[in-house]
Amino acid sequence: MYTKNTSKMETKKLFVPILAIVTVMFLVATVSAAENLTNNMEVKVDDELASNGDLSVIAGESVTVKVTFNSLVDASDVTVKAVIEGDKADSSEISASFDVEQDLRYSKSLTVEIPYELKDQVSDDVSLVVTVKKGSDYKTEAEYSLRVQRPSYNADVLSIVTPNSIDAGETIPVDVVLKNIGYNDLDDMYVRGNLIALDGVERSIYVGDLVSLEDEDDDDDTTTTSARVNLQVPYDAAPGVYTLEIEVWNDDLEVSKAKQLIIENDFPESVFRAGSDLLIVNPTEKLQVYRVVTPEQENFVTVPAGSSKAFEVNPDSAEYIVNVFNMNGEVVSSFTFSATEDQSSVASPVVVLTVILAIVFLVLLIVLVVLIGRKPERSEDFGESYY
């Protein structure tokens, strides 16, 4: 049997949760309305409306995202942010903070890079998310779809493999792996290796064609290839760290990549002074010819591979200058002699002879190591040509 008081209590119990629900709904509606900073945001990507849904952009390039809107409120510290969401990484840019006033129109431009995540596709869709907000008080967000394509012509140098260090006079084998990461085929590709700090130490080879991803099959065509460039380091190269640059090009593109390697040289000099004589050594595997110029005459000195020759100077004045040139006309060494000079102050012939023997031994050791370790030479992919 229900009493009147019981009925009132039950009515009150029902009223409390209903009131709570209505209050929450009212607060949500109020907060939602307060959060909206604008209701007419317009977004353009490189001057094209993003809302059309048919925009195409190029992977790896940068685009200009222009955001225009009317403010519904007065607010300080407002920011505009654009995010291009990739599968593995996002690319974003945010504006500096600025103030807005109600009913006024504002425009901000941001530069955003398109992520390059096209592994097995020539194109794919990504999302562009644009947010205009003031802290946690006001916020308007919109999302758009963009079509990302591979660049028309593009190649990637996947790897450059060399020894970490090399001795002067040796050949550097440079193994390069290339991949076509563009939309179209790459025809008649070349690869050039270049030790930038050493004049003439470069070589170019032809590697052929690289098809696009869509044209690759299991038979002959491939998007990836490897090539070897052999670079001869001169015997007189100074020891140190050098930059090796790899350039890849054809009629449609040119890309480059660099790495560093160490060149060692225990004997960078080839001409020594011994008393009143010059000793010219040849640590190379080929005959070398030098031109020795004194105040009276010039002489040509021929030095067989892996040996040395002495040149007698006999100075007859207080300042007797002798210059030694190689066959390229470059000065190898320059010395000043004197007829009255104390010969004990110059290098001992025994010391110089020891140096020469060490050089000859080093050359022979290098030749022996090369002969022992030499394998049948692998032909370079797609043949070879000089460019």
Protein backbone atom coordinates (compact mmCIF):
# COMPACT_ATOMS: atom_id res chain seq x y z
CA MET A 1 0.00 0.00 0.00
CA TYR A 2 1.51 3.29 -1.15
CA THR A 3 1.08 6.38 0.88
CA LYS A 4 1.10 9.90 -0.41
CA ASN A 5 4.57 10.53 1.03
CA THR A 6 5.91 7.39 -0.63
CA SER A 7 4.58 8.58 -3.99
CA LYS A 8 6.26 11.95 -3.55
CA MET A 9 9.58 10.30 -2.65
CA GLU A 10 9.52 8.11 -5.75
CA THR A 11 8.65 11.10 -7.92
CA LYS A 12 11.58 12.97 -6.42
CA LYS A 13 13.91 10.01 -7.11
CA LEU A 14 12.89 9.99 -10.78
CA PHE A 15 13.19 13.75 -11.08
CA VAL A 16 16.83 13.86 -9.84
CA PRO A 17 18.38 11.72 -12.63
CA ILE A 18 16.21 13.37 -15.26
CA LEU A 19 17.35 16.78 -14.06
CA ALA A 20 20.97 15.61 -14.13
CA ILE A 21 20.64 14.37 -17.74
CA VAL A 22 19.00 17.61 -18.87
CA THR A 23 21.70 19.64 -17.12
CA VAL A 24 24.51 17.66 -18.78
CA MET A 25 22.89 18.00 -22.20
CA PHE A 26 22.51 21.73 -21.64
CA LEU A 27 26.15 22.07 -20.58
CA VAL A 28 27.36 20.04 -23.58
CA ALA A 29 25.35 22.21 -25.94
CA THR A 30 26.64 25.35 -24.26
CA VAL A 31 30.29 24.20 -24.30
CA SER A 32 29.99 23.02 -27.91
CA ALA A 33 28.73 26.41 -28.99
CA ALA A 34 31.47 28.16 -26.98
CA GLU A 35 34.24 26.01 -28.56
CA ASN A 36 33.42 26.95 -32.14
CA LEU A 37 35.81 29.72 -33.23
CA THR A 38 34.53 29.99 -36.82
CA ASN A 39 31.84 28.49 -39.01
CA ASN A 40 33.09 29.44 -42.49
CA MET A 41 36.71 28.28 -42.68
CA GLU A 42 38.10 28.04 -46.22
CA VAL A 43 41.23 26.01 -46.97
CA LYS A 44 43.27 26.18 -50.16
CA VAL A 45 46.24 24.02 -51.16
CA ASP A 46 48.45 25.84 -53.67
CA ASP A 47 45.50 28.16 -54.47
CA GLU A 48 43.06 25.24 -55.05
CA LEU A 49 40.10 24.56 -52.75
CA ALA A 50 40.79 21.53 -50.58
CA SER A 51 37.06 20.92 -50.13
CA ASN A 52 36.69 19.87 -53.78
CA GLY A 53 38.23 16.51 -52.89
CA ASP A 54 40.13 16.10 -56.18
CA LEU A 55 43.51 17.69 -55.35
CA SER A 56 46.71 15.86 -56.28
CA VAL A 57 50.09 16.65 -54.69
CA ILE A 58 53.60 15.27 -55.22
CA ALA A 59 55.38 13.20 -52.56
CA GLY A 60 58.45 14.91 -51.14
CA GLU A 61 57.45 18.39 -52.31
CA SER A 62 56.13 21.25 -50.18
CA VAL A 63 52.70 22.86 -50.58
CA THR A 64 51.22 26.13 -49.35
CA VAL A 65 48.13 25.69 -47.18
CA LYS A 66 46.14 28.94 -46.97
CA VAL A 67 43.46 29.13 -44.25
CA THR A 68 40.86 31.94 -44.32
CA PHE A 69 38.07 32.39 -41.76
CA ASN A 70 35.75 34.83 -39.96
CA SER A 71 36.07 34.86 -36.19
CA LEU A 72 32.93 34.35 -34.11
CA VAL A 73 34.63 35.61 -30.95
CA ASP A 74 37.21 37.96 -29.51
CA ALA A 75 40.26 35.92 -28.54
CA SER A 76 44.02 36.13 -28.01
CA ASP A 77 46.77 33.57 -28.71
CA VAL A 78 44.94 31.96 -31.63
CA THR A 79 46.93 29.54 -33.82
CA VAL A 80 46.37 27.85 -37.16
CA LYS A 81 47.83 24.37 -37.64
CA ALA A 82 47.99 22.16 -40.75
CA VAL A 83 48.88 18.45 -40.51
CA ILE A 84 49.32 15.99 -43.38
CA GLU A 85 48.89 12.55 -41.85
CA GLY A 86 50.92 9.70 -43.33
CA ASP A 87 50.88 6.03 -42.37
CA LYS A 88 54.25 6.21 -40.61
CA ALA A 89 54.94 9.90 -40.12
CA ASP A 90 53.07 13.19 -40.06
CA SER A 91 54.19 16.50 -41.52
CA SER A 92 52.92 19.65 -39.85
CA GLU A 93 53.30 23.40 -39.55
CA ILE A 94 51.79 25.85 -37.06
CA SER A 95 51.44 29.61 -37.24
CA ALA A 96 52.60 32.13 -34.69
CA SER A 97 49.98 33.19 -32.14
CA PHE A 98 47.73 36.10 -33.10
CA ASP A 99 44.62 37.94 -31.85
CA VAL A 100 41.17 37.87 -33.44
CA GLU A 101 38.08 40.06 -33.11
CA GLN A 102 34.51 39.02 -33.67
CA ASP A 103 33.16 39.29 -37.25
CA LEU A 104 36.55 40.11 -38.75
CA ARG A 105 38.20 37.99 -41.45
CA TYR A 106 41.68 36.46 -41.11
CA SER A 107 44.05 34.58 -43.40
CA LYS A 108 47.17 32.53 -42.63
CA SER A 109 49.49 30.62 -44.99
CA LEU A 110 51.57 27.62 -43.93
CA THR A 111 54.17 25.59 -45.84
CA VAL A 112 53.89 21.84 -45.31
CA GLU A 113 56.00 19.05 -46.80
CA ILE A 114 54.21 16.04 -48.31
CA PRO A 115 55.44 12.81 -46.63
CA TYR A 116 57.08 10.27 -48.97
CA GLU A 117 55.56 6.93 -47.96
CA LEU A 118 54.67 5.38 -51.31
CA LYS A 119 56.38 2.01 -51.03
CA ASP A 120 54.30 -0.26 -53.27
CA GLN A 121 51.98 2.29 -54.90
CA VAL A 122 52.44 5.01 -57.47
CA SER A 123 49.79 7.08 -55.64
CA ASP A 124 47.70 6.99 -52.48
CA ASP A 125 45.36 9.12 -50.33
CA VAL A 126 46.40 11.13 -47.26
CA SER A 127 44.48 13.38 -44.89
CA LEU A 128 45.00 17.11 -44.43
CA VAL A 129 43.75 18.26 -41.01
CA VAL A 130 43.45 22.02 -40.41
CA THR A 131 42.81 23.37 -36.91
CA VAL A 132 42.07 26.93 -35.77
CA LYS A 133 42.05 27.23 -32.01
CA LYS A 134 42.68 29.29 -28.89
CA GLY A 135 43.98 26.98 -26.20
CA SER A 136 41.19 24.71 -24.97
CA ASP A 137 38.50 27.40 -25.14
CA TYR A 138 37.80 27.69 -28.86
CA LYS A 139 38.50 25.23 -31.63
CA THR A 140 37.42 24.61 -35.22
CA GLU A 141 38.80 21.63 -37.15
CA ALA A 142 38.30 20.35 -40.69
CA GLU A 143 39.70 17.34 -42.55
CA TYR A 144 40.30 16.98 -46.29
CA SER A 145 41.52 14.19 -48.55
CA LEU A 146 44.54 14.66 -50.85
CA ARG A 147 45.88 12.33 -53.52
CA VAL A 148 49.66 11.88 -53.27
CA GLN A 149 51.57 10.83 -56.40
CA ARG A 150 55.17 9.88 -56.97
CA PRO A 151 57.31 12.52 -58.71
CA SER A 152 57.31 12.11 -62.50
CA TYR A 153 61.05 11.33 -62.59
CA ASN A 154 63.02 10.48 -59.48
CA ALA A 155 65.78 8.11 -58.39
CA ASP A 156 67.12 7.22 -54.98
CA VAL A 157 70.70 6.20 -54.19
CA LEU A 158 69.88 3.42 -51.74
CA SER A 159 73.48 2.69 -50.76
CA ILE A 160 77.12 3.62 -51.42
CA VAL A 161 79.52 0.89 -50.31
CA THR A 162 83.29 1.54 -50.14
CA PRO A 163 86.17 0.53 -47.87
CA ASN A 164 86.34 2.79 -44.84
CA SER A 165 89.96 3.64 -45.68
CA ILE A 166 92.21 3.26 -48.71
CA ASP A 167 95.92 3.68 -49.34
CA ALA A 168 97.11 6.28 -51.82
CA GLY A 169 97.80 4.68 -55.19
CA GLU A 170 95.07 2.06 -54.81
CA THR A 171 91.78 1.74 -56.66
CA ILE A 172 88.58 2.43 -54.73
CA PRO A 173 85.73 0.07 -55.65
CA VAL A 174 82.49 2.04 -55.20
CA ASP A 175 79.34 -0.10 -55.26
CA VAL A 176 76.13 1.87 -55.78
CA VAL A 177 72.53 0.65 -55.57
CA LEU A 178 69.88 2.73 -57.39
CA LYS A 179 66.10 2.61 -57.34
CA ASN A 180 63.48 4.27 -59.52
CA ILE A 181 61.07 5.95 -57.10
CA GLY A 182 59.35 8.06 -59.75
CA TYR A 183 56.05 7.71 -61.62
CA ASN A 184 57.67 7.05 -65.04
CA ASP A 185 60.47 4.92 -66.47
CA LEU A 186 64.05 6.23 -66.28
CA ASP A 187 65.89 5.68 -69.57
CA ASP A 188 69.66 5.74 -70.17
CA MET A 189 70.86 6.28 -66.62
CA TYR A 190 74.47 7.17 -65.78
CA VAL A 191 76.42 7.10 -62.52
CA ARG A 192 79.47 9.25 -61.77
CA GLY A 193 81.85 8.87 -58.84
CA ASN A 194 84.00 11.85 -57.91
CA LEU A 195 86.55 12.51 -55.16
CA ILE A 196 85.89 16.23 -54.98
CA ALA A 197 89.22 17.39 -53.54
CA LEU A 198 91.37 15.44 -56.02
CA ASP A 199 91.43 16.76 -59.57
CA GLY A 200 90.77 14.12 -62.18
CA VAL A 201 89.72 11.39 -59.75
CA GLU A 202 86.31 10.70 -61.24
CA ARG A 203 84.66 8.17 -63.49
CA SER A 204 81.28 7.74 -65.15
CA ILE A 205 79.53 4.54 -66.20
CA TYR A 206 76.32 3.72 -68.04
CA VAL A 207 73.79 1.64 -66.09
CA GLY A 208 70.86 1.46 -68.52
CA ASP A 209 67.12 1.77 -67.88
CA LEU A 210 65.05 1.58 -64.70
CA VAL A 211 61.34 0.94 -65.15
CA SER A 212 58.61 2.40 -62.98
CA LEU A 213 56.84 0.36 -60.32
CA GLU A 214 53.86 -0.32 -62.57
CA ASP A 215 56.04 -1.69 -65.38
CA GLU A 216 58.16 -4.01 -63.25
CA ASP A 217 57.83 -7.74 -63.96
CA ASP A 218 59.63 -10.92 -62.96
CA ASP A 219 61.74 -11.26 -66.12
CA ASP A 220 64.01 -8.51 -67.37
CA ASP A 221 62.66 -5.19 -66.16
CA THR A 222 63.44 -3.91 -62.69
CA THR A 223 63.10 -0.75 -60.63
CA THR A 224 66.45 -1.38 -58.90
CA THR A 225 70.00 -1.92 -60.16
CA SER A 226 73.57 -1.96 -58.87
CA ALA A 227 76.75 -0.60 -60.43
CA ARG A 228 80.45 -0.41 -59.59
CA VAL A 229 82.60 2.65 -60.21
CA ASN A 230 86.37 2.19 -59.80
CA LEU A 231 88.32 5.31 -58.83
CA GLN A 232 92.12 5.43 -59.01
CA VAL A 233 93.67 7.40 -56.14
CA PRO A 234 96.99 9.11 -57.03
CA TYR A 235 100.09 8.04 -55.14
CA ASP A 236 100.79 11.61 -54.03
CA ALA A 237 97.35 12.18 -52.49
CA ALA A 238 97.69 13.81 -49.09
CA PRO A 239 96.40 11.71 -46.19
CA GLY A 240 93.06 12.80 -44.75
CA VAL A 241 89.28 12.54 -44.93
CA TYR A 242 87.79 13.00 -48.40
CA THR A 243 84.24 13.45 -49.67
CA LEU A 244 83.07 10.97 -52.30
CA GLU A 245 80.17 12.30 -54.36
CA ILE A 246 77.90 10.01 -56.36
CA GLU A 247 75.82 11.64 -59.10
CA VAL A 248 72.96 9.90 -60.91
CA TRP A 249 71.47 11.44 -64.03
CA ASN A 250 69.77 11.15 -67.37
CA ASP A 251 67.92 13.62 -69.59
CA ASP A 252 65.08 13.97 -67.05
CA LEU A 253 66.76 14.25 -63.65
CA GLU A 254 69.96 14.67 -61.69
CA VAL A 255 70.41 13.61 -58.07
CA SER A 256 73.49 13.27 -55.88
CA LYS A 257 74.56 11.73 -52.61
CA ALA A 258 77.86 11.87 -50.70
CA LYS A 259 79.82 9.92 -48.13
CA GLN A 260 83.24 10.30 -46.53
CA LEU A 261 86.24 7.99 -46.65
CA ILE A 262 89.82 8.05 -45.37
CA ILE A 263 92.89 8.07 -47.61
CA GLU A 264 96.15 7.04 -45.97
CA ASN A 265 99.61 7.86 -47.33
CA ASP A 266 102.81 7.11 -45.44
CA PHE A 267 104.98 8.61 -48.19
CA PRO A 268 103.26 11.58 -49.83
CA GLU A 269 106.61 13.02 -51.05
CA SER A 270 108.47 11.63 -54.07
CA VAL A 271 111.56 13.92 -54.08
CA PHE A 272 114.07 14.06 -51.22
CA ARG A 273 117.23 16.06 -50.63
CA ALA A 274 120.37 14.15 -49.70
CA GLY A 275 123.39 16.38 -49.26
CA SER A 276 124.05 18.13 -52.56
CA ASP A 277 121.92 15.61 -54.46
CA LEU A 278 118.23 15.00 -55.10
CA LEU A 279 116.78 11.53 -54.79
CA ILE A 280 113.63 10.98 -56.84
CA VAL A 281 111.57 7.93 -55.96
CA ASN A 282 108.77 6.29 -57.92
CA PRO A 283 106.39 4.35 -55.63
CA THR A 284 103.95 3.67 -58.46
CA GLU A 285 103.61 0.66 -60.74
CA LYS A 286 104.39 2.69 -63.87
CA LEU A 287 107.46 4.45 -65.22
CA GLN A 288 107.56 8.14 -64.26
CA VAL A 289 109.37 11.03 -65.96
CA TYR A 290 110.33 14.19 -64.07
CA ARG A 291 111.73 17.49 -65.28
CA VAL A 292 114.44 18.98 -63.05
CA VAL A 293 115.10 22.69 -63.64
CA THR A 294 118.26 24.34 -62.30
CA PRO A 295 119.51 27.93 -62.90
CA GLU A 296 121.69 26.64 -65.80
CA GLN A 297 119.53 24.02 -67.50
CA GLU A 298 116.66 21.56 -67.36
CA ASN A 299 117.01 17.80 -67.29
CA PHE A 300 114.60 14.91 -67.74
CA VAL A 301 114.91 12.10 -65.22
CA THR A 302 113.26 8.75 -65.94
CA VAL A 303 112.48 6.62 -62.89
CA PRO A 304 111.29 3.02 -63.39
CA ALA A 305 108.36 1.69 -61.34
CA GLY A 306 109.17 0.95 -57.72
CA SER A 307 112.70 2.41 -57.86
CA SER A 308 114.65 5.65 -57.43
CA LYS A 309 117.30 7.80 -59.10
CA ALA A 310 119.79 10.36 -57.81
CA PHE A 311 120.30 13.75 -59.44
CA GLU A 312 123.51 15.63 -58.67
CA VAL A 313 122.98 19.34 -58.11
CA ASN A 314 126.45 20.90 -57.42
CA PRO A 315 125.34 24.42 -56.48
CA ASP A 316 127.72 27.23 -57.50
CA SER A 317 126.05 30.20 -55.77
CA ALA A 318 124.72 31.24 -52.39
CA GLU A 319 121.09 30.74 -53.52
CA TYR A 320 120.70 27.94 -56.01
CA ILE A 321 117.02 27.02 -56.63
CA VAL A 322 116.04 23.66 -58.11
CA ASN A 323 112.45 22.88 -59.14
CA VAL A 324 111.11 19.42 -59.97
CA PHE A 325 108.06 19.09 -62.26
CA ASN A 326 106.01 16.07 -63.27
CA MET A 327 104.95 15.47 -66.85
CA ASN A 328 101.72 17.42 -66.27
CA GLY A 329 103.78 20.54 -65.64
CA GLU A 330 102.95 20.58 -61.91
CA VAL A 331 105.64 21.43 -59.35
CA VAL A 332 106.41 18.32 -57.34
CA SER A 333 109.11 19.85 -55.12
CA SER A 334 111.31 22.93 -54.83
CA PHE A 335 114.66 23.18 -53.02
CA THR A 336 117.19 25.94 -52.32
CA PHE A 337 120.85 24.91 -52.28
CA SER A 338 123.96 26.91 -51.41
CA ALA A 339 127.58 26.38 -52.37
CA THR A 340 128.65 27.32 -48.82
CA GLU A 341 125.97 25.31 -47.01
CA ASP A 342 126.97 22.88 -44.29
CA GLN A 343 125.82 19.54 -45.69
CA SER A 344 125.48 18.09 -42.21
CA SER A 345 122.33 20.17 -41.78
CA VAL A 346 120.48 18.32 -44.52
CA ALA A 347 119.09 14.82 -44.59
CA SER A 348 121.62 12.02 -44.45
CA PRO A 349 121.85 9.85 -47.59
CA VAL A 350 121.52 6.84 -45.33
CA VAL A 351 118.24 8.17 -43.94
CA VAL A 352 116.94 8.96 -47.40
CA LEU A 353 117.98 5.54 -48.68
CA THR A 354 116.10 3.95 -45.78
CA VAL A 355 113.00 5.93 -46.73
CA ILE A 356 113.36 4.85 -50.37
CA LEU A 357 113.70 1.19 -49.43
CA ALA A 358 110.63 1.50 -47.21
CA ILE A 359 108.66 2.97 -50.11
CA VAL A 360 109.75 0.22 -52.48
CA PHE A 361 108.88 -2.40 -49.86
CA LEU A 362 105.45 -0.82 -49.36
CA VAL A 363 104.76 -0.87 -53.11
CA LEU A 364 105.79 -4.51 -53.39
CA LEU A 365 103.65 -5.40 -50.36
CA ILE A 366 100.61 -3.69 -51.88
CA VAL A 367 101.13 -5.50 -55.18
CA LEU A 368 101.47 -8.83 -53.37
CA VAL A 369 98.29 -8.29 -51.35
CA VAL A 370 96.37 -7.32 -54.48
CA LEU A 371 97.60 -10.40 -56.37
CA ILE A 372 96.73 -12.75 -53.51
CA GLY A 373 93.29 -11.29 -52.95
CA ARG A 374 92.36 -10.76 -56.57
CA LYS A 375 89.27 -12.57 -57.77
CA PRO A 376 87.99 -12.90 -61.34
CA GLU A 377 86.73 -9.44 -62.17
CA ARG A 378 82.95 -9.12 -62.23
CA SER A 379 81.70 -7.33 -65.27
CA GLU A 380 79.93 -4.09 -64.49
CA ASP A 381 76.17 -4.15 -64.90
CA PHE A 382 74.89 -2.96 -68.29
CA GLY A 383 78.42 -2.52 -69.67
CA GLU A 384 80.55 0.56 -69.22
CA SER A 385 81.12 3.83 -70.97
CA TYR A 386 82.89 7.10 -70.19
CA TYR A 387 80.90 10.29 -70.13
